[in-house]
Amino acid sequence: SYSVTILQGHAMSKIYSESQVAQFHDDGFLKTEGFFSAQETAQLVGWVEEIAGWTANCQHHHEVTDHGPVLARTEDFAKHHAGLSEMLLEGRVVQAVSELMGEPACLFKEKINYKHAGGAGFNPHQDAAAYKRFGSFHVTCLIAIDANTEQNGCLWFAPGQHVEPLPEDDRGCIPTELAYRWDWVSAPLSPGG
């Protein structure tokens, strides 16, 4: 095992220990609290707020709530934002994902999910199932810019259920009768995690 990762011609310390990488492979997910500093997280918040106001150079998607339409997600923005492009394509994020994958990672799709009060949640699903025609191994990386708690809708995982693609219903979700068989664990994250 190597103790140094070479990225962009610079020696960088490994982000994850061997036991963290093993946990990722066993469970199918890994929480990393404090990945970004408070200053870096504040910068991310500013960038997300900036992009939410864009009228071009990205794809905004809205949803209807009891309070009217709200911005639900933004996609395809990194190539038009220097800071996020650098963060997602050249920095610690790609290094971390590469360490977990055991091979160089590349960005397939970037998305900002906005979670507004009254917005819709998601039934249990595998993100990778939506992209199976593009390859067999995908890693989703969530970067929290505000607190993700059980009360406001953090992610939940079924450890060990990631090894192969799971059956889907007509909405691309894991069939309810199958999802109820598993033990689910919440994965709350602090800002910057």
C-alpha atoms as a PDB file:
ATOM      1  CA  SER A   1       0.000   0.000   0.000  1.00  0.00           C
ATOM      2  CA  TYR A   2       1.270   3.471  -0.864  1.00  0.00           C
ATOM      3  CA  SER A   3       1.280   6.245   1.713  1.00  0.00           C
ATOM      4  CA  VAL A   4       1.348   9.094  -0.798  1.00  0.00           C
ATOM      5  CA  THR A   5      -0.963   9.833  -3.706  1.00  0.00           C
ATOM      6  CA  ILE A   6       0.454  11.673  -6.710  1.00  0.00           C
ATOM      7  CA  LEU A   7      -2.052  14.140  -8.131  1.00  0.00           C
ATOM      8  CA  GLN A   8      -1.252  16.930 -10.566  1.00  0.00           C
ATOM      9  CA  GLY A   9       2.460  16.414 -10.093  1.00  0.00           C
ATOM     10  CA  HIS A  10       2.374  17.148  -6.349  1.00  0.00           C
ATOM     11  CA  ALA A  11       2.772  14.688  -3.503  1.00  0.00           C
ATOM     12  CA  MET A  12      -0.365  14.758  -1.361  1.00  0.00           C
ATOM     13  CA  SER A  13      -1.034  12.886   1.853  1.00  0.00           C
ATOM     14  CA  LYS A  14      -3.644  10.185   1.613  1.00  0.00           C
ATOM     15  CA  ILE A  15      -7.074  11.310   2.764  1.00  0.00           C
ATOM     16  CA  TYR A  16      -8.380   7.912   3.871  1.00  0.00           C
ATOM     17  CA  SER A  17      -6.850   5.137   5.916  1.00  0.00           C
ATOM     18  CA  GLU A  18      -6.942   1.554   4.698  1.00  0.00           C
ATOM     19  CA  SER A  19      -9.693   0.813   7.240  1.00  0.00           C
ATOM     20  CA  GLN A  20     -11.833   3.695   5.903  1.00  0.00           C
ATOM     21  CA  VAL A  21     -11.435   2.432   2.338  1.00  0.00           C
ATOM     22  CA  ALA A  22     -12.359  -1.078   3.519  1.00  0.00           C
ATOM     23  CA  GLN A  23     -15.414   0.300   5.316  1.00  0.00           C
ATOM     24  CA  PHE A  24     -16.483   2.080   2.111  1.00  0.00           C
ATOM     25  CA  HIS A  25     -16.210  -1.168   0.157  1.00  0.00           C
ATOM     26  CA  ASP A  26     -18.018  -3.185   2.846  1.00  0.00           C
ATOM     27  CA  ASP A  27     -20.862  -0.749   3.547  1.00  0.00           C
ATOM     28  CA  GLY A  28     -21.142   1.099   0.237  1.00  0.00           C
ATOM     29  CA  PHE A  29     -20.762   4.529   1.802  1.00  0.00           C
ATOM     30  CA  LEU A  30     -18.390   6.543   3.974  1.00  0.00           C
ATOM     31  CA  LYS A  31     -19.060   9.722   5.948  1.00  0.00           C
ATOM     32  CA  THR A  32     -16.224  12.219   6.164  1.00  0.00           C
ATOM     33  CA  GLU A  33     -16.988  14.946   8.690  1.00  0.00           C
ATOM     34  CA  GLY A  34     -14.838  18.066   8.401  1.00  0.00           C
ATOM     35  CA  PHE A  35     -13.688  17.375   4.855  1.00  0.00           C
ATOM     36  CA  PHE A  36     -13.869  21.125   4.176  1.00  0.00           C
ATOM     37  CA  SER A  37     -12.914  23.831   6.670  1.00  0.00           C
ATOM     38  CA  ALA A  38     -15.453  26.422   7.837  1.00  0.00           C
ATOM     39  CA  GLN A  39     -13.852  28.946   5.471  1.00  0.00           C
ATOM     40  CA  GLU A  40     -14.014  26.563   2.500  1.00  0.00           C
ATOM     41  CA  THR A  41     -17.625  25.694   3.359  1.00  0.00           C
ATOM     42  CA  ALA A  42     -18.563  29.388   3.479  1.00  0.00           C
ATOM     43  CA  GLN A  43     -17.001  29.771   0.038  1.00  0.00           C
ATOM     44  CA  LEU A  44     -19.051  26.803  -1.223  1.00  0.00           C
ATOM     45  CA  VAL A  45     -22.226  28.377   0.178  1.00  0.00           C
ATOM     46  CA  GLY A  46     -21.436  31.578  -1.713  1.00  0.00           C
ATOM     47  CA  TRP A  47     -20.810  29.680  -4.933  1.00  0.00           C
ATOM     48  CA  VAL A  48     -24.077  27.738  -4.618  1.00  0.00           C
ATOM     49  CA  GLU A  49     -26.010  30.950  -3.953  1.00  0.00           C
ATOM     50  CA  GLU A  50     -24.322  32.523  -6.981  1.00  0.00           C
ATOM     51  CA  ILE A  51     -25.241  29.599  -9.244  1.00  0.00           C
ATOM     52  CA  ALA A  52     -28.835  29.534  -7.954  1.00  0.00           C
ATOM     53  CA  GLY A  53     -29.185  33.034  -9.399  1.00  0.00           C
ATOM     54  CA  TRP A  54     -27.791  32.197 -12.823  1.00  0.00           C
ATOM     55  CA  THR A  55     -30.103  32.497 -15.807  1.00  0.00           C
ATOM     56  CA  ALA A  56     -27.719  30.751 -18.242  1.00  0.00           C
ATOM     57  CA  ASN A  57     -24.768  28.309 -18.261  1.00  0.00           C
ATOM     58  CA  CYS A  58     -26.554  25.602 -16.273  1.00  0.00           C
ATOM     59  CA  GLN A  59     -29.754  23.553 -16.102  1.00  0.00           C
ATOM     60  CA  HIS A  60     -32.159  24.601 -13.349  1.00  0.00           C
ATOM     61  CA  HIS A  61     -35.015  22.272 -12.383  1.00  0.00           C
ATOM     62  CA  HIS A  62     -37.975  23.378 -10.276  1.00  0.00           C
ATOM     63  CA  GLU A  63     -40.602  21.547  -8.226  1.00  0.00           C
ATOM     64  CA  VAL A  64     -44.017  22.663  -7.058  1.00  0.00           C
ATOM     65  CA  THR A  65     -44.582  22.964  -3.303  1.00  0.00           C
ATOM     66  CA  ASP A  66     -47.483  24.203  -1.211  1.00  0.00           C
ATOM     67  CA  HIS A  67     -45.731  27.591  -1.352  1.00  0.00           C
ATOM     68  CA  GLY A  68     -45.373  27.597  -5.143  1.00  0.00           C
ATOM     69  CA  PRO A  69     -42.527  26.552  -7.442  1.00  0.00           C
ATOM     70  CA  VAL A  70     -39.006  26.411  -5.970  1.00  0.00           C
ATOM     71  CA  LEU A  71     -35.592  25.612  -7.350  1.00  0.00           C
ATOM     72  CA  ALA A  72     -35.047  21.881  -6.737  1.00  0.00           C
ATOM     73  CA  ARG A  73     -31.690  21.237  -8.413  1.00  0.00           C
ATOM     74  CA  THR A  74     -29.085  22.673 -10.747  1.00  0.00           C
ATOM     75  CA  GLU A  75     -26.954  20.600 -13.102  1.00  0.00           C
ATOM     76  CA  ASP A  76     -24.159  21.080 -15.639  1.00  0.00           C
ATOM     77  CA  PHE A  77     -22.548  24.127 -14.022  1.00  0.00           C
ATOM     78  CA  ALA A  78     -18.928  23.174 -13.245  1.00  0.00           C
ATOM     79  CA  LYS A  79     -17.514  24.033 -16.646  1.00  0.00           C
ATOM     80  CA  HIS A  80     -18.832  27.586 -16.198  1.00  0.00           C
ATOM     81  CA  HIS A  81     -17.615  28.151 -12.622  1.00  0.00           C
ATOM     82  CA  ALA A  82     -13.854  28.262 -12.097  1.00  0.00           C
ATOM     83  CA  GLY A  83     -13.918  27.641  -8.341  1.00  0.00           C
ATOM     84  CA  LEU A  84     -16.252  24.661  -8.440  1.00  0.00           C
ATOM     85  CA  SER A  85     -14.548  23.285 -11.529  1.00  0.00           C
ATOM     86  CA  GLU A  86     -11.203  23.337  -9.742  1.00  0.00           C
ATOM     87  CA  MET A  87     -12.696  21.832  -6.573  1.00  0.00           C
ATOM     88  CA  LEU A  88     -14.507  19.013  -8.377  1.00  0.00           C
ATOM     89  CA  LEU A  89     -11.929  18.204 -11.044  1.00  0.00           C
ATOM     90  CA  GLU A  90      -8.510  18.911  -9.544  1.00  0.00           C
ATOM     91  CA  GLY A  91      -8.569  19.013  -5.762  1.00  0.00           C
ATOM     92  CA  ARG A  92      -9.227  16.895  -2.703  1.00  0.00           C
ATOM     93  CA  VAL A  93     -12.670  15.758  -3.883  1.00  0.00           C
ATOM     94  CA  VAL A  94     -11.334  13.889  -6.900  1.00  0.00           C
ATOM     95  CA  GLN A  95      -8.417  12.605  -4.803  1.00  0.00           C
ATOM     96  CA  ALA A  96     -10.807  11.280  -2.142  1.00  0.00           C
ATOM     97  CA  VAL A  97     -13.080   9.582  -4.664  1.00  0.00           C
ATOM     98  CA  SER A  98     -10.071   8.115  -6.488  1.00  0.00           C
ATOM     99  CA  GLU A  99      -8.763   6.660  -3.235  1.00  0.00           C
ATOM    100  CA  LEU A 100     -12.122   5.028  -2.537  1.00  0.00           C
ATOM    101  CA  MET A 101     -12.461   3.690  -6.075  1.00  0.00           C
ATOM    102  CA  GLY A 102      -8.882   2.478  -6.236  1.00  0.00           C
ATOM    103  CA  GLU A 103      -8.434   4.129  -9.623  1.00  0.00           C
ATOM    104  CA  PRO A 104      -8.478   7.644 -11.081  1.00  0.00           C
ATOM    105  CA  ALA A 105     -11.923   9.206 -10.807  1.00  0.00           C
ATOM    106  CA  CYS A 106     -13.510  11.547 -13.292  1.00  0.00           C
ATOM    107  CA  LEU A 107     -16.586  13.713 -12.967  1.00  0.00           C
ATOM    108  CA  PHE A 108     -19.564  12.242 -14.781  1.00  0.00           C
ATOM    109  CA  LYS A 109     -22.271  14.587 -13.547  1.00  0.00           C
ATOM    110  CA  GLU A 110     -22.493  17.418 -11.064  1.00  0.00           C
ATOM    111  CA  LYS A 111     -25.668  18.483  -9.354  1.00  0.00           C
ATOM    112  CA  ILE A 112     -26.753  20.845  -6.596  1.00  0.00           C
ATOM    113  CA  ASN A 113     -29.828  19.620  -4.719  1.00  0.00           C
ATOM    114  CA  TYR A 114     -31.737  22.355  -2.906  1.00  0.00           C
ATOM    115  CA  LYS A 115     -33.858  21.104  -0.026  1.00  0.00           C
ATOM    116  CA  HIS A 116     -36.595  23.637   0.645  1.00  0.00           C
ATOM    117  CA  ALA A 117     -39.270  23.271   3.307  1.00  0.00           C
ATOM    118  CA  GLY A 118     -42.216  21.500   1.718  1.00  0.00           C
ATOM    119  CA  GLY A 119     -40.085  20.067  -1.094  1.00  0.00           C
ATOM    120  CA  ALA A 120     -40.345  16.472  -2.170  1.00  0.00           C
ATOM    121  CA  GLY A 121     -38.077  13.777  -0.772  1.00  0.00           C
ATOM    122  CA  PHE A 122     -36.827  10.699  -2.564  1.00  0.00           C
ATOM    123  CA  ASN A 123     -37.849   7.109  -2.026  1.00  0.00           C
ATOM    124  CA  PRO A 124     -34.999   4.598  -1.559  1.00  0.00           C
ATOM    125  CA  HIS A 125     -32.955   4.287  -4.760  1.00  0.00           C
ATOM    126  CA  GLN A 126     -29.465   3.693  -6.117  1.00  0.00           C
ATOM    127  CA  ASP A 127     -28.040   6.683  -7.963  1.00  0.00           C
ATOM    128  CA  ALA A 128     -25.884   4.411 -10.118  1.00  0.00           C
ATOM    129  CA  ALA A 129     -28.948   2.666 -11.549  1.00  0.00           C
ATOM    130  CA  ALA A 130     -29.828   5.823 -13.467  1.00  0.00           C
ATOM    131  CA  TYR A 131     -26.423   5.770 -15.186  1.00  0.00           C
ATOM    132  CA  LYS A 132     -25.901   2.049 -15.800  1.00  0.00           C
ATOM    133  CA  ARG A 133     -25.750   2.513 -19.563  1.00  0.00           C
ATOM    134  CA  PHE A 134     -22.586   4.593 -19.041  1.00  0.00           C
ATOM    135  CA  GLY A 135     -20.635   2.113 -16.913  1.00  0.00           C
ATOM    136  CA  SER A 136     -20.853  -0.401 -14.113  1.00  0.00           C
ATOM    137  CA  PHE A 137     -19.149   1.467 -11.245  1.00  0.00           C
ATOM    138  CA  HIS A 138     -20.248   4.866  -9.979  1.00  0.00           C
ATOM    139  CA  VAL A 139     -19.574   6.785  -6.795  1.00  0.00           C
ATOM    140  CA  THR A 140     -21.861   9.548  -5.588  1.00  0.00           C
ATOM    141  CA  CYS A 141     -20.260  12.237  -3.458  1.00  0.00           C
ATOM    142  CA  LEU A 142     -22.430  14.509  -1.327  1.00  0.00           C
ATOM    143  CA  ILE A 143     -20.898  17.710   0.000  1.00  0.00           C
ATOM    144  CA  ALA A 144     -23.000  19.252   2.766  1.00  0.00           C
ATOM    145  CA  ILE A 145     -23.078  23.051   2.892  1.00  0.00           C
ATOM    146  CA  ASP A 146     -25.625  23.103   5.686  1.00  0.00           C
ATOM    147  CA  ALA A 147     -26.549  20.644   8.405  1.00  0.00           C
ATOM    148  CA  ASN A 148     -28.041  17.392   7.102  1.00  0.00           C
ATOM    149  CA  THR A 149     -30.045  15.865   9.959  1.00  0.00           C
ATOM    150  CA  GLU A 150     -32.717  13.216  10.334  1.00  0.00           C
ATOM    151  CA  GLN A 151     -35.189  16.036  10.981  1.00  0.00           C
ATOM    152  CA  ASN A 152     -34.455  17.888   7.734  1.00  0.00           C
ATOM    153  CA  GLY A 153     -33.811  14.944   5.434  1.00  0.00           C
ATOM    154  CA  CYS A 154     -30.285  13.526   5.611  1.00  0.00           C
ATOM    155  CA  LEU A 155     -29.369  10.528   3.510  1.00  0.00           C
ATOM    156  CA  TRP A 156     -30.068   6.989   4.728  1.00  0.00           C
ATOM    157  CA  PHE A 157     -28.138   3.919   3.634  1.00  0.00           C
ATOM    158  CA  ALA A 158     -28.676   0.166   3.731  1.00  0.00           C
ATOM    159  CA  PRO A 159     -25.109  -1.025   4.449  1.00  0.00           C
ATOM    160  CA  GLY A 160     -23.884  -3.762   2.146  1.00  0.00           C
ATOM    161  CA  GLN A 161     -26.695  -3.414  -0.406  1.00  0.00           C
ATOM    162  CA  HIS A 162     -24.477  -1.759  -3.013  1.00  0.00           C
ATOM    163  CA  VAL A 163     -22.664  -4.744  -4.483  1.00  0.00           C
ATOM    164  CA  GLU A 164     -24.914  -5.156  -7.482  1.00  0.00           C
ATOM    165  CA  PRO A 165     -27.674  -3.160  -9.140  1.00  0.00           C
ATOM    166  CA  LEU A 166     -30.942  -3.579  -7.283  1.00  0.00           C
ATOM    167  CA  PRO A 167     -34.378  -4.104  -8.793  1.00  0.00           C
ATOM    168  CA  GLU A 168     -36.278  -0.929  -9.636  1.00  0.00           C
ATOM    169  CA  ASP A 169     -39.940  -0.063  -9.823  1.00  0.00           C
ATOM    170  CA  ASP A 170     -41.414   2.041 -12.631  1.00  0.00           C
ATOM    171  CA  ARG A 171     -40.130   5.231 -10.911  1.00  0.00           C
ATOM    172  CA  GLY A 172     -36.515   4.032 -10.678  1.00  0.00           C
ATOM    173  CA  CYS A 173     -36.815   3.353  -6.946  1.00  0.00           C
ATOM    174  CA  ILE A 174     -36.109   0.206  -4.942  1.00  0.00           C
ATOM    175  CA  PRO A 175     -39.411  -1.691  -4.587  1.00  0.00           C
ATOM    176  CA  THR A 176     -40.938  -0.931  -1.182  1.00  0.00           C
ATOM    177  CA  GLU A 177     -41.234  -4.596  -0.177  1.00  0.00           C
ATOM    178  CA  LEU A 178     -37.499  -5.066  -0.776  1.00  0.00           C
ATOM    179  CA  ALA A 179     -36.455  -1.813   0.957  1.00  0.00           C
ATOM    180  CA  TYR A 180     -38.391  -2.779   4.102  1.00  0.00           C
ATOM    181  CA  ARG A 181     -36.286  -5.939   4.508  1.00  0.00           C
ATOM    182  CA  TRP A 182     -33.068  -4.034   5.194  1.00  0.00           C
ATOM    183  CA  ASP A 183     -31.673  -2.230   8.190  1.00  0.00           C
ATOM    184  CA  TRP A 184     -31.211   1.426   7.258  1.00  0.00           C
ATOM    185  CA  VAL A 185     -28.809   3.809   8.960  1.00  0.00           C
ATOM    186  CA  SER A 186     -28.993   7.581   8.815  1.00  0.00           C
ATOM    187  CA  ALA A 187     -25.936   9.543   7.710  1.00  0.00           C
ATOM    188  CA  PRO A 188     -26.281  13.046   9.145  1.00  0.00           C
ATOM    189  CA  LEU A 189     -23.528  15.442   8.080  1.00  0.00           C
ATOM    190  CA  SER A 190     -22.328  18.767   9.383  1.00  0.00           C
ATOM    191  CA  PRO A 191     -21.558  21.608   6.976  1.00  0.00           C
ATOM    192  CA  GLY A 192     -18.292  20.830   5.205  1.00  0.00           C
ATOM    193  CA  GLY A 193     -18.728  17.070   5.552  1.00  0.00           C
END
